[in-house]
N, C-alpha and C. Protein backbone atom coordinates (compact mmCIF):
# COMPACT_ATOMS: atom_id res chain seq x y z
N MET A 1 123.84 103.71 -6.55
CA MET A 1 122.97 103.89 -5.40
C MET A 1 123.23 102.78 -4.38
N ALA A 2 123.21 103.11 -3.12
CA ALA A 2 123.47 102.15 -2.05
C ALA A 2 122.32 101.17 -1.91
N GLU A 3 122.69 99.91 -1.70
CA GLU A 3 121.70 98.85 -1.48
C GLU A 3 121.68 98.47 -0.01
N PRO A 4 120.49 98.38 0.59
CA PRO A 4 120.40 97.99 2.00
C PRO A 4 120.90 96.57 2.21
N GLN A 5 121.75 96.40 3.19
CA GLN A 5 122.21 95.07 3.58
C GLN A 5 121.40 94.59 4.78
N GLY A 6 121.00 95.51 5.64
CA GLY A 6 120.20 95.18 6.81
C GLY A 6 120.25 96.29 7.83
N TRP A 7 119.58 96.07 8.94
CA TRP A 7 119.56 97.07 10.01
C TRP A 7 119.49 96.37 11.35
N ILE A 8 119.87 97.10 12.38
CA ILE A 8 119.90 96.58 13.75
C ILE A 8 119.14 97.55 14.63
N ASP A 9 118.23 97.03 15.42
CA ASP A 9 117.58 97.85 16.44
C ASP A 9 118.60 98.21 17.50
N CYS A 10 118.51 99.41 18.02
CA CYS A 10 119.35 99.85 19.13
C CYS A 10 118.59 100.92 19.88
N HIS A 11 119.24 101.54 20.83
CA HIS A 11 118.65 102.63 21.61
C HIS A 11 119.63 103.79 21.65
N ASP A 12 119.11 104.96 21.93
CA ASP A 12 119.99 106.09 22.19
C ASP A 12 120.28 106.11 23.69
N PRO A 13 121.14 107.00 24.17
CA PRO A 13 121.47 107.02 25.60
C PRO A 13 120.27 107.27 26.52
N PHE A 14 119.15 107.75 25.96
CA PHE A 14 117.96 108.02 26.77
C PHE A 14 116.95 106.88 26.71
N GLY A 15 117.32 105.78 26.04
CA GLY A 15 116.45 104.61 25.97
C GLY A 15 115.43 104.63 24.85
N ARG A 16 115.49 105.61 23.97
CA ARG A 16 114.55 105.69 22.85
C ARG A 16 114.97 104.72 21.76
N ASP A 17 113.99 104.10 21.12
CA ASP A 17 114.26 103.16 20.03
C ASP A 17 114.90 103.87 18.85
N ARG A 18 115.97 103.29 18.35
CA ARG A 18 116.69 103.79 17.18
C ARG A 18 117.13 102.57 16.36
N SER A 19 117.78 102.82 15.24
CA SER A 19 118.34 101.72 14.47
C SER A 19 119.61 102.17 13.76
N MET A 20 120.45 101.19 13.44
CA MET A 20 121.63 101.41 12.63
C MET A 20 121.43 100.61 11.35
N THR A 21 121.84 101.20 10.22
CA THR A 21 121.63 100.56 8.93
C THR A 21 122.98 100.29 8.27
N VAL A 22 123.09 99.12 7.64
CA VAL A 22 124.28 98.77 6.87
C VAL A 22 123.90 98.78 5.40
N LEU A 23 124.65 99.56 4.60
CA LEU A 23 124.39 99.67 3.17
C LEU A 23 125.65 99.27 2.40
N VAL A 24 125.45 98.79 1.18
CA VAL A 24 126.57 98.48 0.29
C VAL A 24 126.42 99.35 -0.95
N GLU A 25 127.50 100.05 -1.31
CA GLU A 25 127.50 100.90 -2.50
C GLU A 25 128.81 100.65 -3.25
N ASP A 26 128.69 100.05 -4.43
CA ASP A 26 129.86 99.70 -5.24
C ASP A 26 130.84 98.89 -4.40
N ASP A 27 132.02 99.45 -4.12
CA ASP A 27 133.03 98.72 -3.35
C ASP A 27 133.18 99.27 -1.94
N ARG A 28 132.09 99.87 -1.42
CA ARG A 28 132.12 100.47 -0.09
C ARG A 28 130.99 99.95 0.79
N VAL A 29 131.25 99.90 2.07
CA VAL A 29 130.23 99.54 3.07
C VAL A 29 129.94 100.80 3.88
N LEU A 30 128.66 101.14 4.00
CA LEU A 30 128.25 102.33 4.74
C LEU A 30 127.51 101.91 6.01
N LEU A 31 127.89 102.48 7.12
CA LEU A 31 127.21 102.24 8.39
C LEU A 31 126.53 103.54 8.77
N VAL A 32 125.20 103.53 8.80
CA VAL A 32 124.41 104.73 9.09
C VAL A 32 123.89 104.64 10.52
N ALA A 33 124.41 105.51 11.36
CA ALA A 33 124.00 105.55 12.77
C ALA A 33 122.85 106.53 12.94
N PRO A 34 122.18 106.47 14.10
CA PRO A 34 121.11 107.45 14.35
C PRO A 34 121.65 108.87 14.25
N PRO A 35 120.98 109.76 13.51
CA PRO A 35 121.49 111.11 13.31
C PRO A 35 121.70 111.87 14.62
N GLY A 36 122.92 112.35 14.82
CA GLY A 36 123.23 113.14 16.00
C GLY A 36 123.14 112.39 17.31
N GLU A 37 123.13 111.07 17.26
CA GLU A 37 122.94 110.27 18.47
C GLU A 37 124.08 109.26 18.63
N SER A 38 124.13 108.68 19.78
CA SER A 38 124.97 107.52 20.02
C SER A 38 124.06 106.29 19.97
N ALA A 39 124.62 105.17 19.53
CA ALA A 39 123.85 103.94 19.48
C ALA A 39 124.26 103.06 20.65
N VAL A 40 123.31 102.72 21.49
CA VAL A 40 123.54 101.83 22.63
C VAL A 40 123.00 100.46 22.23
N MET A 41 123.91 99.44 22.23
CA MET A 41 123.52 98.11 21.76
C MET A 41 123.85 97.05 22.80
N SER A 42 123.03 96.02 22.82
CA SER A 42 123.28 94.86 23.68
C SER A 42 124.36 94.00 23.02
N VAL A 43 124.81 92.98 23.71
CA VAL A 43 125.78 92.05 23.15
C VAL A 43 125.19 91.37 21.91
N THR A 44 123.93 90.97 21.96
CA THR A 44 123.27 90.33 20.82
C THR A 44 123.20 91.28 19.63
N GLN A 45 122.86 92.52 19.86
CA GLN A 45 122.79 93.50 18.78
C GLN A 45 124.18 93.74 18.18
N THR A 46 125.20 93.76 19.02
CA THR A 46 126.57 93.94 18.54
C THR A 46 126.99 92.77 17.67
N ARG A 47 126.63 91.56 18.07
CA ARG A 47 126.94 90.37 17.25
C ARG A 47 126.21 90.42 15.91
N ARG A 48 124.97 90.88 15.92
CA ARG A 48 124.21 91.01 14.67
C ARG A 48 124.87 92.04 13.75
N LEU A 49 125.32 93.15 14.31
CA LEU A 49 126.02 94.16 13.53
C LEU A 49 127.29 93.57 12.91
N HIS A 50 128.02 92.83 13.70
CA HIS A 50 129.23 92.16 13.21
C HIS A 50 128.90 91.25 12.03
N HIS A 51 127.84 90.48 12.17
CA HIS A 51 127.42 89.57 11.10
C HIS A 51 127.03 90.34 9.83
N LEU A 52 126.26 91.41 9.98
CA LEU A 52 125.86 92.22 8.83
C LEU A 52 127.06 92.87 8.14
N LEU A 53 128.01 93.35 8.92
CA LEU A 53 129.20 93.95 8.34
C LEU A 53 130.03 92.90 7.59
N ASP A 54 130.12 91.69 8.14
CA ASP A 54 130.82 90.60 7.43
C ASP A 54 130.15 90.29 6.11
N GLN A 55 128.82 90.21 6.13
CA GLN A 55 128.07 89.93 4.90
C GLN A 55 128.29 91.04 3.88
N ALA A 56 128.25 92.27 4.34
CA ALA A 56 128.45 93.40 3.43
C ALA A 56 129.85 93.39 2.84
N ALA A 57 130.84 93.07 3.65
CA ALA A 57 132.23 93.01 3.16
C ALA A 57 132.38 91.91 2.11
N ASP A 58 131.68 90.81 2.27
CA ASP A 58 131.72 89.73 1.30
C ASP A 58 131.11 90.14 -0.04
N ARG A 59 130.17 91.06 -0.02
CA ARG A 59 129.49 91.51 -1.25
C ARG A 59 130.32 92.48 -2.06
N VAL A 60 131.27 93.17 -1.43
CA VAL A 60 132.05 94.18 -2.17
C VAL A 60 133.32 93.60 -2.74
């Protein structure tokens, strides 16, 4: 079963609040985006995503 590594607040193209989730499952990293949406992120949110993905990669 996938373990949550963390999540990042973001928005969809219409400005609605959404989030992206980073999960770790065995030797894989899963990035879960808003269903059927695009994720619009600020520079800070992008850096946080980068950090979470690095942490997840270190765990696998």
